[in-house]
Each structure stands twice: as structure tokens, then as C-alpha cells.
């Protein structure tokens, strides 16, 4: 599990499929961590699920 003060990723694997359960906020301060976790997962498995259910997208208007 990766944890940032505003963003976290819990990784699990089942029958060859890797699931990333994302939670928190994706914004400029967490985007690099998000990208790193996604790239690492993609290099480990061809079957990937990204669960964005607990993610808040930050927008500045």
C-alpha cells in the first residue's frame, strides 16, 4: 500500500488480475504518485483494474 497525506493506493492480486484501489485526491501534489503507482502496476500485470470509487478529482476554477 502506498500512502501520501492526500492520496493512497491499495494493491491486490487475484487470479492474475491486479487491482489498484485508489483513494483520496488526485491533484498536482499527488499526480506524480498516481502516475508512479499506475506505471508500476502496468509493468507487473497485463490485467489491471483501477478502482476510482473513493477518489476525488480536485479542480480549481
PDB file of N, CA and C in Angstrom:
ATOM      1  N   UNK A   1       0.851  -1.194   0.000  1.00  0.00           N
ATOM      2  CA  UNK A   1       0.000   0.000   0.000  1.00  0.00           C
ATOM      3  C   UNK A   1       0.880   1.236   0.000  1.00  0.00           C
ATOM      4  N   UNK A   2       0.570   2.160  -0.888  1.00  0.00           N
ATOM      5  CA  UNK A   2       1.262   3.443  -0.936  1.00  0.00           C
ATOM      6  C   UNK A   2       0.380   4.480  -0.261  1.00  0.00           C
ATOM      7  N   UNK A   3       0.991   5.357   0.529  1.00  0.00           N
ATOM      8  CA  UNK A   3       0.222   6.371   1.241  1.00  0.00           C
ATOM      9  C   UNK A   3       0.909   7.726   1.142  1.00  0.00           C
ATOM     10  N   UNK A   4       0.166   8.708   0.686  1.00  0.00           N
ATOM     11  CA  UNK A   4       0.562  10.117   0.658  1.00  0.00           C
ATOM     12  C   UNK A   4      -0.419  10.789   1.615  1.00  0.00           C
ATOM     13  N   UNK A   5      -0.133  11.970   2.065  1.00  0.00           N
ATOM     14  CA  UNK A   5      -1.048  12.620   3.012  1.00  0.00           C
ATOM     15  C   UNK A   5      -2.447  12.843   2.431  1.00  0.00           C
ATOM     16  N   UNK A   6      -2.563  12.927   1.098  1.00  0.00           N
ATOM     17  CA  UNK A   6      -3.860  13.174   0.462  1.00  0.00           C
ATOM     18  C   UNK A   6      -4.310  12.047  -0.467  1.00  0.00           C
ATOM     19  N   UNK A   7      -3.460  11.027  -0.670  1.00  0.00           N
ATOM     20  CA  UNK A   7      -3.736  10.019  -1.681  1.00  0.00           C
ATOM     21  C   UNK A   7      -3.146   8.683  -1.269  1.00  0.00           C
ATOM     22  N   UNK A   8      -3.869   7.603  -1.537  1.00  0.00           N
ATOM     23  CA  UNK A   8      -3.366   6.277  -1.209  1.00  0.00           C
ATOM     24  C   UNK A   8      -3.763   5.252  -2.253  1.00  0.00           C
ATOM     25  N   UNK A   9      -2.994   4.169  -2.304  1.00  0.00           N
ATOM     26  CA  UNK A   9      -3.267   3.084  -3.235  1.00  0.00           C
ATOM     27  C   UNK A   9      -3.099   1.763  -2.500  1.00  0.00           C
ATOM     28  N   UNK A  10      -4.118   0.925  -2.568  1.00  0.00           N
ATOM     29  CA  UNK A  10      -4.031  -0.425  -2.025  1.00  0.00           C
ATOM     30  C   UNK A  10      -4.023  -1.377  -3.211  1.00  0.00           C
ATOM     31  N   UNK A  11      -2.988  -2.205  -3.297  1.00  0.00           N
ATOM     32  CA  UNK A  11      -2.828  -3.121  -4.421  1.00  0.00           C
ATOM     33  C   UNK A  11      -3.150  -4.540  -3.974  1.00  0.00           C
ATOM     34  N   UNK A  12      -3.948  -5.235  -4.778  1.00  0.00           N
ATOM     35  CA  UNK A  12      -4.238  -6.645  -4.517  1.00  0.00           C
ATOM     36  C   UNK A  12      -4.206  -7.391  -5.844  1.00  0.00           C
ATOM     37  N   UNK A  13      -4.021  -8.708  -5.765  1.00  0.00           N
ATOM     38  CA  UNK A  13      -3.977  -9.521  -6.974  1.00  0.00           C
ATOM     39  C   UNK A  13      -4.816 -10.766  -6.773  1.00  0.00           C
ATOM     40  N   UNK A  14      -5.573 -11.110  -7.797  1.00  0.00           N
ATOM     41  CA  UNK A  14      -6.429 -12.288  -7.740  1.00  0.00           C
ATOM     42  C   UNK A  14      -6.499 -12.917  -9.127  1.00  0.00           C
ATOM     43  N   UNK A  15      -6.086 -14.148  -9.231  1.00  0.00           N
ATOM     44  CA  UNK A  15      -6.151 -14.909 -10.490  1.00  0.00           C
ATOM     45  C   UNK A  15      -5.492 -14.170 -11.650  1.00  0.00           C
ATOM     46  N   UNK A  16      -4.351 -13.543 -11.399  1.00  0.00           N
ATOM     47  CA  UNK A  16      -3.616 -12.863 -12.455  1.00  0.00           C
ATOM     48  C   UNK A  16      -4.083 -11.462 -12.789  1.00  0.00           C
ATOM     49  N   UNK A  17      -5.073 -10.974 -12.079  1.00  0.00           N
ATOM     50  CA  UNK A  17      -5.555  -9.606 -12.294  1.00  0.00           C
ATOM     51  C   UNK A  17      -5.164  -8.750 -11.092  1.00  0.00           C
ATOM     52  N   UNK A  18      -4.489  -7.645 -11.363  1.00  0.00           N
ATOM     53  CA  UNK A  18      -4.065  -6.723 -10.315  1.00  0.00           C
ATOM     54  C   UNK A  18      -5.103  -5.614 -10.188  1.00  0.00           C
ATOM     55  N   UNK A  19      -5.514  -5.339  -8.952  1.00  0.00           N
ATOM     56  CA  UNK A  19      -6.475  -4.273  -8.687  1.00  0.00           C
ATOM     57  C   UNK A  19      -5.805  -3.190  -7.854  1.00  0.00           C
ATOM     58  N   UNK A  20      -5.938  -1.951  -8.291  1.00  0.00           N
ATOM     59  CA  UNK A  20      -5.467  -0.800  -7.537  1.00  0.00           C
ATOM     60  C   UNK A  20      -6.689  -0.069  -7.006  1.00  0.00           C
ATOM     61  N   UNK A  21      -6.876  -0.097  -5.696  1.00  0.00           N
ATOM     62  CA  UNK A  21      -7.970   0.626  -5.060  1.00  0.00           C
ATOM     63  C   UNK A  21      -7.421   1.988  -4.655  1.00  0.00           C
ATOM     64  N   UNK A  22      -7.793   3.003  -5.398  1.00  0.00           N
ATOM     65  CA  UNK A  22      -7.292   4.357  -5.181  1.00  0.00           C
ATOM     66  C   UNK A  22      -8.222   5.098  -4.236  1.00  0.00           C
ATOM     67  N   UNK A  23      -7.636   5.961  -3.398  1.00  0.00           N
ATOM     68  CA  UNK A  23      -8.483   6.772  -2.524  1.00  0.00           C
ATOM     69  C   UNK A  23      -7.809   8.104  -2.244  1.00  0.00           C
ATOM     70  N   UNK A  24      -8.617   9.107  -2.078  1.00  0.00           N
ATOM     71  CA  UNK A  24      -8.109  10.436  -1.772  1.00  0.00           C
ATOM     72  C   UNK A  24      -8.323  11.404  -2.917  1.00  0.00           C
ATOM     73  N   UNK A  25      -7.381  12.313  -3.056  1.00  0.00           N
ATOM     74  CA  UNK A  25      -7.483  13.396  -4.032  1.00  0.00           C
ATOM     75  C   UNK A  25      -6.372  13.276  -5.058  1.00  0.00           C
ATOM     76  N   UNK A  26      -6.729  13.362  -6.329  1.00  0.00           N
ATOM     77  CA  UNK A  26      -5.725  13.447  -7.380  1.00  0.00           C
ATOM     78  C   UNK A  26      -5.662  14.907  -7.808  1.00  0.00           C
ATOM     79  N   UNK A  27      -4.539  15.507  -7.534  1.00  0.00           N
ATOM     80  CA  UNK A  27      -4.293  16.917  -7.865  1.00  0.00           C
ATOM     81  C   UNK A  27      -2.810  17.061  -8.165  1.00  0.00           C
ATOM     82  N   UNK A  28      -2.340  18.265  -8.351  1.00  0.00           N
ATOM     83  CA  UNK A  28      -0.943  18.470  -8.734  1.00  0.00           C
ATOM     84  C   UNK A  28       0.033  17.883  -7.714  1.00  0.00           C
ATOM     85  N   UNK A  29      -0.286  17.934  -6.440  1.00  0.00           N
ATOM     86  CA  UNK A  29       0.645  17.426  -5.430  1.00  0.00           C
ATOM     87  C   UNK A  29       0.648  15.897  -5.327  1.00  0.00           C
ATOM     88  N   UNK A  30      -0.351  15.223  -5.898  1.00  0.00           N
ATOM     89  CA  UNK A  30      -0.428  13.764  -5.826  1.00  0.00           C
ATOM     90  C   UNK A  30      -0.338  13.099  -7.194  1.00  0.00           C
ATOM     91  N   UNK A  31      -0.329  13.877  -8.255  1.00  0.00           N
ATOM     92  CA  UNK A  31      -0.330  13.317  -9.612  1.00  0.00           C
ATOM     93  C   UNK A  31       0.888  12.447  -9.881  1.00  0.00           C
ATOM     94  N   UNK A  32       2.052  12.843  -9.404  1.00  0.00           N
ATOM     95  CA  UNK A  32       3.259  12.054  -9.636  1.00  0.00           C
ATOM     96  C   UNK A  32       3.160  10.694  -8.938  1.00  0.00           C
ATOM     97  N   UNK A  33       2.645  10.664  -7.722  1.00  0.00           N
ATOM     98  CA  UNK A  33       2.471   9.395  -7.008  1.00  0.00           C
ATOM     99  C   UNK A  33       1.476   8.512  -7.747  1.00  0.00           C
ATOM    100  N   UNK A  34       0.399   9.083  -8.237  1.00  0.00           N
ATOM    101  CA  UNK A  34      -0.587   8.339  -9.014  1.00  0.00           C
ATOM    102  C   UNK A  34       0.060   7.738 -10.259  1.00  0.00           C
ATOM    103  N   UNK A  35       0.805   8.531 -10.995  1.00  0.00           N
ATOM    104  CA  UNK A  35       1.474   8.070 -12.210  1.00  0.00           C
ATOM    105  C   UNK A  35       2.468   6.952 -11.908  1.00  0.00           C
ATOM    106  N   UNK A  36       3.234   7.094 -10.844  1.00  0.00           N
ATOM    107  CA  UNK A  36       4.221   6.085 -10.453  1.00  0.00           C
ATOM    108  C   UNK A  36       3.555   4.756 -10.119  1.00  0.00           C
ATOM    109  N   UNK A  37       2.475   4.807  -9.348  1.00  0.00           N
ATOM    110  CA  UNK A  37       1.761   3.579  -8.973  1.00  0.00           C
ATOM    111  C   UNK A  37       1.138   2.902 -10.187  1.00  0.00           C
ATOM    112  N   UNK A  38       0.574   3.667 -11.088  1.00  0.00           N
ATOM    113  CA  UNK A  38      -0.031   3.097 -12.288  1.00  0.00           C
ATOM    114  C   UNK A  38       1.030   2.468 -13.191  1.00  0.00           C
ATOM    115  N   UNK A  39       2.163   3.134 -13.363  1.00  0.00           N
ATOM    116  CA  UNK A  39       3.240   2.607 -14.202  1.00  0.00           C
ATOM    117  C   UNK A  39       3.804   1.309 -13.614  1.00  0.00           C
ATOM    118  N   UNK A  40       3.971   1.268 -12.298  1.00  0.00           N
ATOM    119  CA  UNK A  40       4.479   0.057 -11.645  1.00  0.00           C
ATOM    120  C   UNK A  40       3.507  -1.100 -11.836  1.00  0.00           C
ATOM    121  N   UNK A  41       2.235  -0.839 -11.688  1.00  0.00           N
ATOM    122  CA  UNK A  41       1.224  -1.885 -11.852  1.00  0.00           C
ATOM    123  C   UNK A  41       1.199  -2.384 -13.299  1.00  0.00           C
ATOM    124  N   UNK A  42       1.286  -1.476 -14.244  1.00  0.00           N
ATOM    125  CA  UNK A  42       1.262  -1.859 -15.662  1.00  0.00           C
ATOM    126  C   UNK A  42       2.476  -2.705 -16.034  1.00  0.00           C
ATOM    127  N   UNK A  43       3.593  -2.487 -15.374  1.00  0.00           N
ATOM    128  CA  UNK A  43       4.793  -3.277 -15.680  1.00  0.00           C
ATOM    129  C   UNK A  43       4.738  -4.669 -15.041  1.00  0.00           C
ATOM    130  N   UNK A  44       3.849  -4.868 -14.070  1.00  0.00           N
ATOM    131  CA  UNK A  44       3.750  -6.149 -13.377  1.00  0.00           C
ATOM    132  C   UNK A  44       2.636  -7.046 -13.900  1.00  0.00           C
ATOM    133  N   UNK A  45       1.614  -6.467 -14.497  1.00  0.00           N
ATOM    134  CA  UNK A  45       0.456  -7.253 -14.917  1.00  0.00           C
ATOM    135  C   UNK A  45      -0.152  -6.698 -16.188  1.00  0.00           C
ATOM    136  N   UNK A  46      -0.622  -7.601 -17.042  1.00  0.00           N
ATOM    137  CA  UNK A  46      -1.328  -7.180 -18.256  1.00  0.00           C
ATOM    138  C   UNK A  46      -2.816  -7.002 -17.981  1.00  0.00           C
ATOM    139  N   UNK A  47      -3.280  -7.548 -16.863  1.00  0.00           N
ATOM    140  CA  UNK A  47      -4.680  -7.439 -16.464  1.00  0.00           C
ATOM    141  C   UNK A  47      -4.759  -6.507 -15.257  1.00  0.00           C
ATOM    142  N   UNK A  48      -5.322  -5.349 -15.457  1.00  0.00           N
ATOM    143  CA  UNK A  48      -5.306  -4.317 -14.431  1.00  0.00           C
ATOM    144  C   UNK A  48      -6.684  -3.687 -14.268  1.00  0.00           C
ATOM    145  N   UNK A  49      -7.091  -3.532 -13.017  1.00  0.00           N
ATOM    146  CA  UNK A  49      -8.323  -2.816 -12.690  1.00  0.00           C
ATOM    147  C   UNK A  49      -7.934  -1.638 -11.804  1.00  0.00           C
ATOM    148  N   UNK A  50      -8.373  -0.444 -12.167  1.00  0.00           N
ATOM    149  CA  UNK A  50      -8.165   0.744 -11.338  1.00  0.00           C
ATOM    150  C   UNK A  50      -9.521   1.156 -10.781  1.00  0.00           C
ATOM    151  N   UNK A  51      -9.661   1.048  -9.480  1.00  0.00           N
ATOM    152  CA  UNK A  51     -10.920   1.369  -8.801  1.00  0.00           C
ATOM    153  C   UNK A  51     -10.853   2.805  -8.292  1.00  0.00           C
ATOM    154  N   UNK A  52     -11.601   3.691  -8.935  1.00  0.00           N
ATOM    155  CA  UNK A  52     -11.613   5.117  -8.602  1.00  0.00           C
ATOM    156  C   UNK A  52     -12.782   5.489  -7.696  1.00  0.00           C
ATOM    157  N   UNK A  53     -13.447   4.513  -7.114  1.00  0.00           N
ATOM    158  CA  UNK A  53     -14.657   4.761  -6.319  1.00  0.00           C
ATOM    159  C   UNK A  53     -14.430   5.760  -5.184  1.00  0.00           C
ATOM    160  N   UNK A  54     -13.254   5.731  -4.574  1.00  0.00           N
ATOM    161  CA  UNK A  54     -13.001   6.608  -3.406  1.00  0.00           C
ATOM    162  C   UNK A  54     -12.025   7.739  -3.735  1.00  0.00           C
ATOM    163  N   UNK A  55     -12.031   8.168  -4.996  1.00  0.00           N
ATOM    164  CA  UNK A  55     -11.146   9.251  -5.438  1.00  0.00           C
ATOM    165  C   UNK A  55     -11.956  10.514  -5.680  1.00  0.00           C
ATOM    166  N   UNK A  56     -11.399  11.626  -5.243  1.00  0.00           N
ATOM    167  CA  UNK A  56     -11.974  12.941  -5.508  1.00  0.00           C
ATOM    168  C   UNK A  56     -11.043  13.648  -6.479  1.00  0.00           C
ATOM    169  N   UNK A  57     -11.584  14.101  -7.577  1.00  0.00           N
ATOM    170  CA  UNK A  57     -10.787  14.865  -8.526  1.00  0.00           C
ATOM    171  C   UNK A  57     -10.830  16.322  -8.108  1.00  0.00           C
ATOM    172  N   UNK A  58      -9.667  16.904  -7.928  1.00  0.00           N
ATOM    173  CA  UNK A  58      -9.587  18.290  -7.499  1.00  0.00           C
ATOM    174  C   UNK A  58      -9.576  19.197  -8.725  1.00  0.00           C
ATOM    175  N   UNK A  59     -10.375  20.219  -8.715  1.00  0.00           N
ATOM    176  CA  UNK A  59     -10.411  21.166  -9.833  1.00  0.00           C
ATOM    177  C   UNK A  59     -10.413  22.583  -9.276  1.00  0.00           C
ATOM    178  N   UNK A  60      -9.620  23.422  -9.879  1.00  0.00           N
ATOM    179  CA  UNK A  60      -9.570  24.831  -9.499  1.00  0.00           C
ATOM    180  C   UNK A  60     -10.190  25.645 -10.624  1.00  0.00           C
ATOM    181  N   UNK A  61     -11.216  26.388 -10.312  1.00  0.00           N
ATOM    182  CA  UNK A  61     -11.871  27.220 -11.315  1.00  0.00           C
ATOM    183  C   UNK A  61     -11.841  28.646 -10.891  1.00  0.00           C
TER     184      UNK A  61
END
